[in-house]
C-alpha cells in the first residue's frame, strides 16, 4: 500500500495531462478555417483590443492582395456607409464624428480609430458593409438620414436601408438584452448579412465580428445560421487563437525560464552549503557513468532551452471580458504546480533531520520528488511551447538525473532494511562538497 501511495502522483498527473490535451484539441476544433473555396470568411474578435486589430489587418491584407474588396463589419448599415464616404474624403471629419458617437462603447478606442486609418491608407478600394442592428441610431443614424435628405436621396434605397436599421436598433434596445446578446439581434444580423451579400454580388468576402457571433457550432448565432444557410460555405475563426499562437523556436530571452531556473538553483545552493545528508558522497561514487553522461548533457540543454525560447512564457492576452487564455496554458499551469510541489519538498527536507531517507522521500505521490518533479515540469513546458528541442533535452535529463537518484534511493532503502547495523557507517565522514550537476533537484 505504501508503494502505491509513493507513486500515485504519476497516474494522477497522467490523467490531468490527458484532460488538458482533450480540452486543447476541443478548443482548436472550435475554429473552422477557410479553404481556397470558402467564399465567406468570418473572424471573431474582442472589441477594442489593439492586438486583434493588428491581426485582422494581416488577414485583410492577404485577401486584398487576392483581389477581395468587400469587408463586412459589425456596424450598423449607416455607419458603414458613412465610412465608405470617409474613404473617399480628404479629411477625417466623418471618422471623428463616428468615434464621438461611439465614445464609451467597447469599440470607441484609439486602436479601432487607427485600424480604420490603416484601412484607408493601405487598402483604399475597400468597400464596407455594415450588417448589425442600429446602434447610435439617435446620432449617427439621424445624421446619415439628414445627409441623404440634404443631397436629394430621401427616396433612395440607402435611405430605406438606413431607416430599417434604425428601426431594428430601436426594437433591440427596447427589448433590453443583456450584454448585447439577443436572439432578435442575431436574426437581424443574419438577414442583414444575406441581403448585403446579395447587394455586393457574392464572391469572396471577409467579415469581422465579435467572436460570439462567428462561432459556427451554435445554430442560434449568426455564424451558425449563415453556415447552415450557405450549406457550409462559411468559415469561422476566433482571432484570439491566432494572436496567442506560439512560435516554438523563436529565439530571445525567456522570463519564465529564468524564474524556473532560480526555483531550481536557490534550494540546491542551500543544499550544497552544508545541508546535504551525511553519507551522500558515498552514494555519488557509485553512480552509473552512462546515466551521468545523459544527466550532464540534459542539464546543459535544458538550461539553455529555458533561457533562449520565449515560447515558454505564458501566452495570455487581454479581452473585453478580462483576459484570453489559450487552453494550452493548462500544460504551463501543471508545470507551475509541480514546481510549487518541488519547493514544498525542499522546505520539508530542510526542516527534517536531513537523512538519506528524508532526501529521497516521496512527496505528493511522486517518488524521489526532488529529482522527478522538475524534470516533469520541464517536459510539460516543452509540450506547452511545442518545442521538440526542449522536450528531447528534458527526456535526456530525466533518463540521467531520475535514473541516478532512483538508484541512490534504492541503495539507501536496502541498507536501511537489510543491514540496519550498517546504517551508521555512511555517517563516518563529512561530505566533501556537492557535484556540479546537482542543480536540477534530487
Protein backbone atom coordinates (compact mmCIF):
# COMPACT_ATOMS: atom_id res chain seq x y z
CA UNK A 1 0.00 0.00 0.00
CA UNK A 2 2.85 2.39 0.84
CA UNK A 3 4.48 1.78 -2.55
CA UNK A 4 1.21 2.62 -4.30
CA UNK A 5 0.94 5.83 -2.26
CA UNK A 6 4.51 6.78 -3.21
CA UNK A 7 3.72 6.53 -6.94
CA UNK A 8 0.09 7.72 -7.06
CA UNK A 9 1.09 11.21 -8.23
CA UNK A 10 2.20 9.91 -11.64
CA UNK A 11 -1.14 8.40 -12.76
CA UNK A 12 -2.97 11.45 -11.41
CA UNK A 13 -0.66 13.73 -13.40
CA UNK A 14 -1.20 11.49 -16.42
CA UNK A 15 -4.98 11.87 -16.14
CA UNK A 16 -4.68 15.66 -15.79
CA UNK A 17 -2.39 15.76 -18.82
CA UNK A 18 -4.90 13.71 -20.82
CA UNK A 19 -7.74 16.01 -19.77
CA UNK A 20 -5.71 19.08 -20.75
CA UNK A 21 -4.97 17.51 -24.14
CA UNK A 22 -8.65 16.80 -24.74
CA UNK A 23 -9.50 20.44 -23.91
CA UNK A 24 -6.73 21.74 -26.19
CA UNK A 25 -7.92 19.59 -29.09
CA UNK A 26 -11.55 20.56 -28.45
CA UNK A 27 -10.72 24.27 -28.38
CA UNK A 28 -8.81 24.03 -31.65
CA UNK A 29 -11.72 22.16 -33.21
CA UNK A 30 -13.99 25.12 -32.46
CA UNK A 31 -12.36 27.10 -35.25
CA UNK A 32 -13.41 26.33 -38.81
CA UNK A 33 -10.60 27.53 -41.05
CA UNK A 34 -11.22 28.71 -44.62
CA UNK A 35 -10.14 26.74 -47.66
CA UNK A 36 -9.45 28.09 -51.13
CA UNK A 37 -13.12 27.57 -51.96
CA UNK A 38 -14.53 29.35 -48.89
CA UNK A 39 -16.35 32.48 -50.01
CA UNK A 40 -17.45 33.84 -46.63
CA UNK A 41 -14.61 34.11 -44.10
CA UNK A 42 -15.69 35.26 -40.65
CA UNK A 43 -13.22 36.32 -37.97
CA UNK A 44 -14.19 36.85 -34.34
CA UNK A 45 -12.59 39.47 -32.13
CA UNK A 46 -12.78 41.05 -28.71
CA UNK A 47 -13.70 44.66 -29.42
CA UNK A 48 -11.32 47.49 -28.61
CA UNK A 49 -8.11 45.47 -28.21
CA UNK A 50 -5.14 46.62 -30.30
CA UNK A 51 -3.63 43.19 -30.92
CA UNK A 52 -6.86 41.94 -32.52
CA UNK A 53 -6.91 44.80 -34.99
CA UNK A 54 -3.29 44.14 -35.92
CA UNK A 55 -4.09 40.52 -36.74
CA UNK A 56 -7.24 41.47 -38.67
CA UNK A 57 -5.22 43.86 -40.81
CA UNK A 58 -2.87 41.00 -41.68
CA UNK A 59 -5.84 38.84 -42.66
CA UNK A 60 -7.38 41.59 -44.77
CA UNK A 61 -4.02 42.33 -46.38
CA UNK A 62 -3.81 38.74 -47.63
CA UNK A 63 -7.35 38.75 -49.04
CA UNK A 64 -6.98 42.24 -50.51
CA UNK A 65 -3.92 41.10 -52.44
CA UNK A 66 -6.04 38.25 -53.84
CA UNK A 67 -8.49 40.81 -55.21
CA UNK A 68 -11.05 40.78 -52.38
CA UNK A 69 -12.61 44.20 -51.76
CA UNK A 70 -15.80 43.65 -49.73
CA UNK A 71 -15.34 43.83 -45.95
CA UNK A 72 -18.33 43.04 -43.74
CA UNK A 73 -18.25 44.55 -40.25
CA UNK A 74 -20.24 44.53 -37.02
CA UNK A 75 -21.53 48.04 -37.54
CA UNK A 76 -24.94 49.43 -38.46
CA UNK A 77 -25.67 49.91 -42.15
CA UNK A 78 -25.48 53.69 -41.93
CA UNK A 79 -22.16 53.71 -40.01
CA UNK A 80 -20.53 51.56 -42.68
CA UNK A 81 -21.95 53.81 -45.40
CA UNK A 82 -20.55 56.85 -43.61
CA UNK A 83 -17.16 55.14 -43.52
CA UNK A 84 -17.40 54.49 -47.26
CA UNK A 85 -17.92 58.22 -47.75
CA UNK A 86 -14.95 58.94 -45.50
CA UNK A 87 -12.79 56.55 -47.53
CA UNK A 88 -13.21 58.96 -50.46
CA UNK A 89 -12.76 62.13 -48.43
CA UNK A 90 -9.51 64.03 -47.79
CA UNK A 91 -10.30 64.94 -44.19
CA UNK A 92 -11.21 62.85 -41.13
CA UNK A 93 -14.31 64.83 -40.20
CA UNK A 94 -16.68 61.89 -40.75
CA UNK A 95 -14.44 59.45 -38.87
CA UNK A 96 -14.15 61.87 -35.96
CA UNK A 97 -17.94 62.24 -35.80
CA UNK A 98 -18.44 58.47 -35.82
CA UNK A 99 -16.00 58.00 -32.96
CA UNK A 100 -17.55 60.79 -30.93
CA UNK A 101 -20.80 58.87 -31.24
CA UNK A 102 -19.02 55.63 -30.19
CA UNK A 103 -17.43 57.18 -27.11
CA UNK A 104 -17.96 54.96 -24.08
CA UNK A 105 -18.55 51.77 -26.10
CA UNK A 106 -16.15 48.81 -26.40
CA UNK A 107 -15.15 49.91 -29.89
CA UNK A 108 -14.65 53.57 -29.01
CA UNK A 109 -10.88 53.25 -28.62
CA UNK A 110 -7.87 54.83 -30.35
CA UNK A 111 -6.87 51.36 -31.58
CA UNK A 112 -10.09 50.99 -33.56
CA UNK A 113 -9.64 54.53 -34.89
CA UNK A 114 -6.11 53.64 -36.05
CA UNK A 115 -7.47 50.45 -37.62
CA UNK A 116 -9.70 52.46 -39.95
CA UNK A 117 -6.93 54.89 -40.79
CA UNK A 118 -4.77 51.95 -41.87
CA UNK A 119 -7.61 50.55 -43.97
CA UNK A 120 -7.96 53.87 -45.78
CA UNK A 121 -4.22 54.32 -46.27
CA UNK A 122 -3.24 50.81 -47.38
CA UNK A 123 -6.47 49.37 -48.78
CA UNK A 124 -8.27 52.34 -50.34
CA UNK A 125 -10.56 50.25 -52.58
CA UNK A 126 -12.17 48.54 -49.60
CA UNK A 127 -15.97 48.64 -49.62
CA UNK A 128 -17.65 48.28 -46.23
CA UNK A 129 -20.94 46.53 -45.45
CA UNK A 130 -22.47 47.04 -42.02
CA UNK A 131 -24.86 44.27 -41.01
CA UNK A 132 -25.57 44.95 -37.33
CA UNK A 133 -28.71 46.50 -35.87
CA UNK A 134 -28.90 50.25 -35.41
CA UNK A 135 -26.55 51.28 -32.62
CA UNK A 136 -26.15 55.04 -32.07
CA UNK A 137 -29.30 55.49 -34.15
CA UNK A 138 -30.14 58.81 -32.50
CA UNK A 139 -26.83 60.38 -33.54
CA UNK A 140 -25.02 58.56 -36.35
CA UNK A 141 -28.25 57.19 -37.83
CA UNK A 142 -30.07 60.52 -37.67
CA UNK A 143 -27.08 62.33 -39.14
CA UNK A 144 -26.89 59.91 -42.08
CA UNK A 145 -30.57 60.36 -42.86
CA UNK A 146 -30.10 64.11 -42.75
CA UNK A 147 -27.16 63.79 -45.14
CA UNK A 148 -29.25 61.79 -47.62
CA UNK A 149 -32.06 64.32 -47.42
CA UNK A 150 -29.66 67.21 -47.98
CA UNK A 151 -28.20 65.50 -51.05
CA UNK A 152 -31.62 64.71 -52.58
CA UNK A 153 -31.54 60.98 -51.77
CA UNK A 154 -34.51 60.75 -49.42
CA UNK A 155 -36.19 58.29 -51.80
CA UNK A 156 -33.13 56.11 -52.32
CA UNK A 157 -32.52 52.51 -51.27
CA UNK A 158 -29.81 53.83 -48.94
CA UNK A 159 -32.43 55.85 -47.09
CA UNK A 160 -34.75 52.85 -46.82
CA UNK A 161 -31.99 50.58 -45.53
CA UNK A 162 -30.88 53.18 -43.00
CA UNK A 163 -34.44 53.60 -41.72
CA UNK A 164 -34.81 49.82 -41.41
CA UNK A 165 -31.54 49.60 -39.50
CA UNK A 166 -32.70 52.34 -37.13
CA UNK A 167 -35.99 50.50 -36.57
CA UNK A 168 -34.06 47.32 -35.74
CA UNK A 169 -31.92 49.21 -33.29
CA UNK A 170 -34.91 50.76 -31.54
CA UNK A 171 -36.56 47.35 -31.24
CA UNK A 172 -33.37 45.78 -29.94
CA UNK A 173 -32.83 48.41 -27.25
CA UNK A 174 -36.48 48.36 -26.23
CA UNK A 175 -36.08 44.62 -25.67
CA UNK A 176 -33.34 45.34 -23.13
CA UNK A 177 -30.98 42.44 -23.86
CA UNK A 178 -28.09 41.63 -21.54
CA UNK A 179 -24.53 42.32 -22.81
CA UNK A 180 -25.81 42.69 -26.36
CA UNK A 181 -26.80 39.02 -26.53
CA UNK A 182 -30.20 38.63 -28.11
CA UNK A 183 -31.92 36.17 -30.43
CA UNK A 184 -33.62 39.17 -32.05
CA UNK A 185 -30.27 40.76 -32.82
CA UNK A 186 -28.76 37.52 -34.18
CA UNK A 187 -31.70 37.06 -36.55
CA UNK A 188 -31.46 40.63 -37.79
CA UNK A 189 -27.70 40.29 -38.26
CA UNK A 190 -28.28 37.18 -40.39
CA UNK A 191 -30.96 38.73 -42.57
CA UNK A 192 -28.91 41.93 -42.97
CA UNK A 193 -25.84 39.88 -43.88
CA UNK A 194 -27.65 37.83 -46.51
CA UNK A 195 -29.14 40.97 -48.07
CA UNK A 196 -25.75 42.72 -48.08
CA UNK A 197 -24.05 39.69 -49.62
CA UNK A 198 -26.58 39.77 -52.45
CA UNK A 199 -26.04 43.51 -52.95
CA UNK A 200 -22.27 43.10 -53.23
CA UNK A 201 -22.68 40.39 -55.86
CA UNK A 202 -21.42 37.49 -53.77
CA UNK A 203 -17.90 36.19 -54.19
CA UNK A 204 -15.18 36.08 -51.56
CA UNK A 205 -15.66 38.40 -48.60
CA UNK A 206 -14.22 38.79 -45.13
CA UNK A 207 -16.32 39.59 -42.06
CA UNK A 208 -15.12 40.97 -38.71
CA UNK A 209 -17.47 40.48 -35.76
CA UNK A 210 -17.38 39.75 -32.07
CA UNK A 211 -16.32 36.15 -31.52
CA UNK A 212 -19.73 35.37 -30.01
CA UNK A 213 -21.32 35.89 -33.42
CA UNK A 214 -18.76 33.99 -35.52
CA UNK A 215 -18.86 30.60 -33.78
CA UNK A 216 -20.30 28.18 -36.34
CA UNK A 217 -21.15 25.50 -33.78
CA UNK A 218 -24.19 27.30 -32.34
CA UNK A 219 -27.23 27.16 -34.62
CA UNK A 220 -28.86 30.12 -32.85
CA UNK A 221 -25.99 32.52 -33.52
CA UNK A 222 -25.13 34.45 -36.65
CA UNK A 223 -22.23 32.23 -37.67
CA UNK A 224 -24.16 29.01 -37.21
CA UNK A 225 -27.19 30.32 -39.11
CA UNK A 226 -25.06 31.57 -42.00
CA UNK A 227 -23.17 28.29 -42.08
CA UNK A 228 -26.48 26.49 -42.46
CA UNK A 229 -27.90 28.98 -44.98
CA UNK A 230 -24.87 28.78 -47.26
CA UNK A 231 -24.60 25.00 -46.89
CA UNK A 232 -21.24 25.00 -45.16
CA UNK A 233 -19.61 27.64 -47.36
CA UNK A 234 -18.64 29.74 -44.33
CA UNK A 235 -15.56 29.66 -42.12
CA UNK A 236 -15.36 30.98 -38.57
CA UNK A 237 -12.08 31.63 -36.75
CA UNK A 238 -11.60 33.25 -33.36
CA UNK A 239 -8.79 35.78 -33.78
CA UNK A 240 -7.86 35.13 -30.14
CA UNK A 241 -6.49 31.74 -31.15
CA UNK A 242 -4.26 33.43 -33.71
CA UNK A 243 -2.85 36.21 -31.54
CA UNK A 244 -1.66 33.73 -28.92
CA UNK A 245 -0.14 31.35 -31.44
CA UNK A 246 3.23 30.17 -30.18
CA UNK A 247 6.42 30.34 -32.22
CA UNK A 248 8.21 27.41 -30.59
CA UNK A 249 11.72 28.06 -31.93
CA UNK A 250 11.89 31.85 -31.97
CA UNK A 251 15.00 32.94 -30.08
CA UNK A 252 15.01 35.56 -27.34
CA UNK A 253 15.12 35.90 -23.58
CA UNK A 254 12.62 33.83 -21.59
CA UNK A 255 11.49 35.27 -18.25
CA UNK A 256 9.60 32.10 -17.32
CA UNK A 257 12.75 30.05 -17.92
CA UNK A 258 14.81 32.35 -15.70
CA UNK A 259 12.28 32.08 -12.87
CA UNK A 260 12.17 28.33 -13.35
CA UNK A 261 15.96 28.06 -13.06
CA UNK A 262 16.01 30.25 -9.96
CA UNK A 263 13.47 27.93 -8.34
CA UNK A 264 15.89 25.11 -9.12
CA UNK A 265 19.19 26.72 -8.23
CA UNK A 266 18.37 28.52 -4.96
CA UNK A 267 17.44 25.43 -2.89
CA UNK A 268 20.30 23.47 -4.48
CA UNK A 269 22.79 26.15 -3.46
CA UNK A 270 21.49 25.99 0.10
CA UNK A 271 21.72 22.19 -0.07
CA UNK A 272 25.34 22.28 -1.24
CA UNK A 273 26.35 24.68 1.56
CA UNK A 274 26.13 22.30 4.46
CA UNK A 275 22.67 20.78 4.15
CA UNK A 276 23.46 17.55 2.29
CA UNK A 277 22.54 14.31 4.03
CA UNK A 278 25.51 12.63 5.67
CA UNK A 279 26.97 9.92 3.51
CA UNK A 280 25.68 11.32 0.23
CA UNK A 281 29.17 11.37 -1.32
CA UNK A 282 29.48 7.63 -0.81
CA UNK A 283 26.37 7.12 -2.95
CA UNK A 284 27.63 9.58 -5.57
CA UNK A 285 30.76 7.48 -6.10
CA UNK A 286 28.62 4.53 -7.23
CA UNK A 287 26.70 6.37 -9.93
CA UNK A 288 26.32 4.84 -13.37
CA UNK A 289 28.65 6.68 -15.76
CA UNK A 290 26.28 6.43 -18.70
CA UNK A 291 23.43 7.91 -16.68
CA UNK A 292 25.82 10.62 -15.51
CA UNK A 293 26.62 11.49 -19.12
CA UNK A 294 22.92 11.79 -20.01
CA UNK A 295 22.38 13.91 -16.91
CA UNK A 296 25.10 16.42 -17.76
CA UNK A 297 24.06 16.75 -21.41
CA UNK A 298 20.40 17.13 -20.37
CA UNK A 299 21.23 19.79 -17.78
CA UNK A 300 23.17 21.90 -20.29
CA UNK A 301 20.50 21.67 -22.98
CA UNK A 302 17.59 22.30 -20.60
CA UNK A 303 19.30 25.31 -19.03
CA UNK A 304 19.95 26.83 -22.45
CA UNK A 305 16.47 26.00 -23.74
CA UNK A 306 14.71 27.53 -20.76
CA UNK A 307 16.56 30.80 -21.29
CA UNK A 308 16.50 31.22 -25.08
CA UNK A 309 12.98 30.10 -26.09
CA UNK A 310 10.35 32.78 -25.22
CA UNK A 311 7.62 30.37 -26.33
CA UNK A 312 7.77 29.03 -22.78
CA UNK A 313 6.31 32.30 -21.48
CA UNK A 314 2.56 32.28 -20.74
CA UNK A 315 0.51 33.23 -23.81
CA UNK A 316 -2.33 35.36 -22.50
CA UNK A 317 -3.94 38.44 -23.94
CA UNK A 318 -6.46 40.97 -22.64
CA UNK A 319 -10.02 40.84 -23.92
CA UNK A 320 -13.15 42.79 -23.09
CA UNK A 321 -14.06 40.07 -20.59
CA UNK A 322 -10.71 40.18 -18.80
CA UNK A 323 -8.02 38.06 -20.44
CA UNK A 324 -7.99 35.44 -23.15
CA UNK A 325 -6.19 32.25 -22.16
CA UNK A 326 -5.47 29.52 -24.66
CA UNK A 327 -6.21 26.01 -23.37
CA UNK A 328 -2.56 25.13 -23.97
CA UNK A 329 -1.89 27.17 -20.82
CA UNK A 330 -3.13 24.15 -18.87
CA UNK A 331 0.22 22.47 -19.58
CA UNK A 332 2.03 25.56 -18.31
CA UNK A 333 -0.16 25.61 -15.19
CA UNK A 334 0.57 21.94 -14.45
CA UNK A 335 4.31 22.66 -14.74
CA UNK A 336 3.92 25.60 -12.33
CA UNK A 337 2.05 23.40 -9.82
CA UNK A 338 4.81 20.79 -9.98
CA UNK A 339 7.38 23.48 -9.21
CA UNK A 340 5.34 24.56 -6.18
CA UNK A 341 5.41 20.92 -5.04
CA UNK A 342 9.17 20.99 -5.65
CA UNK A 343 9.67 24.00 -3.38
CA UNK A 344 7.49 22.40 -0.71
CA UNK A 345 9.65 19.29 -0.95
CA UNK A 346 12.74 21.38 -0.18
CA UNK A 347 11.10 23.15 2.75
CA UNK A 348 10.17 19.79 4.25
CA UNK A 349 13.66 18.43 3.68
CA UNK A 350 15.40 21.41 5.27
CA UNK A 351 13.13 21.09 8.32
CA UNK A 352 13.77 17.34 8.60
CA UNK A 353 16.78 15.59 10.23
CA UNK A 354 18.21 15.57 6.67
CA UNK A 355 18.93 11.88 6.41
CA UNK A 356 19.14 9.97 3.13
CA UNK A 357 15.62 8.73 3.78
CA UNK A 358 14.40 12.32 4.14
CA UNK A 359 16.32 13.26 0.99
CA UNK A 360 14.69 10.61 -1.19
CA UNK A 361 11.24 10.69 0.29
CA UNK A 362 8.08 10.60 -1.82
CA UNK A 363 6.13 13.86 -1.89
CA UNK A 364 2.54 14.25 -3.11
CA UNK A 365 2.72 10.75 -4.57
CA UNK A 366 5.90 11.37 -6.60
CA UNK A 367 8.90 9.11 -5.87
CA UNK A 368 12.33 10.80 -5.48
CA UNK A 369 10.38 14.04 -5.68
CA UNK A 370 13.43 16.30 -5.67
CA UNK A 371 14.67 14.75 -8.93
CA UNK A 372 11.41 13.85 -10.65
CA UNK A 373 9.28 16.97 -10.15
CA UNK A 374 11.48 19.48 -12.04
CA UNK A 375 12.03 17.03 -14.89
CA UNK A 376 8.28 16.54 -15.30
CA UNK A 377 7.83 20.33 -15.19
CA UNK A 378 10.40 20.77 -17.99
CA UNK A 379 8.59 18.19 -20.13
CA UNK A 380 5.26 19.97 -19.60
CA UNK A 381 6.77 23.34 -20.55
CA UNK A 382 8.17 21.74 -23.71
CA UNK A 383 4.74 20.34 -24.62
CA UNK A 384 3.16 23.74 -23.92
CA UNK A 385 5.66 25.51 -26.19
CA UNK A 386 5.56 22.76 -28.83
CA UNK A 387 9.36 22.76 -28.68
CA UNK A 388 10.89 19.38 -29.57
CA UNK A 389 14.40 20.53 -28.70
CA UNK A 390 13.44 21.25 -25.09
CA UNK A 391 11.37 18.06 -24.96
CA UNK A 392 14.35 15.95 -26.08
CA UNK A 393 16.59 17.75 -23.58
CA UNK A 394 14.07 17.03 -20.82
CA UNK A 395 13.98 13.35 -21.75
CA UNK A 396 17.80 13.14 -21.60
CA UNK A 397 17.79 14.88 -18.25
CA UNK A 398 15.09 12.58 -16.95
CA UNK A 399 16.90 9.41 -18.02
CA UNK A 400 20.12 10.50 -16.36
CA UNK A 401 19.02 12.51 -13.36
CA UNK A 402 16.00 10.50 -12.24
CA UNK A 403 17.77 7.22 -13.05
CA UNK A 404 20.73 8.14 -10.85
CA UNK A 405 18.63 9.18 -7.91
CA UNK A 406 16.30 6.21 -8.10
CA UNK A 407 19.45 4.12 -7.79
CA UNK A 408 20.53 6.15 -4.75
CA UNK A 409 17.11 5.78 -3.17
CA UNK A 410 17.03 2.00 -3.72
CA UNK A 411 20.51 1.54 -2.25
CA UNK A 412 19.56 3.68 0.74
CA UNK A 413 16.44 1.57 1.31
CA UNK A 414 18.39 -1.69 1.01
CA UNK A 415 20.97 -0.59 3.57
CA UNK A 416 18.30 0.54 6.00
CA UNK A 417 16.06 -2.51 5.70
CA UNK A 418 18.55 -5.34 5.07
CA UNK A 419 21.58 -4.22 7.08
CA UNK A 420 20.35 -1.88 9.80
CA UNK A 421 23.63 -2.38 11.69
CA UNK A 422 25.36 -0.64 8.76
CA UNK A 423 23.12 2.40 8.85
CA UNK A 424 25.68 4.43 10.77
CA UNK A 425 28.61 3.52 8.57
CA UNK A 426 27.74 6.15 5.99
CA UNK A 427 27.98 8.86 8.65
CA UNK A 428 31.67 8.34 9.38
CA UNK A 429 32.93 11.08 7.07
CA UNK A 430 31.67 14.53 6.27
CA UNK A 431 30.57 15.29 2.69
CA UNK A 432 33.33 16.82 0.61
CA UNK A 433 31.05 19.14 -1.40
CA UNK A 434 28.32 18.91 -3.99
CA UNK A 435 28.54 17.59 -7.52
CA UNK A 436 28.28 20.35 -10.08
CA UNK A 437 25.34 18.68 -11.79
CA UNK A 438 23.10 18.66 -8.71
CA UNK A 439 21.30 21.82 -9.85
CA UNK A 440 18.21 20.01 -11.09
CA UNK A 441 16.96 18.69 -7.77
CA UNK A 442 17.21 15.30 -6.16
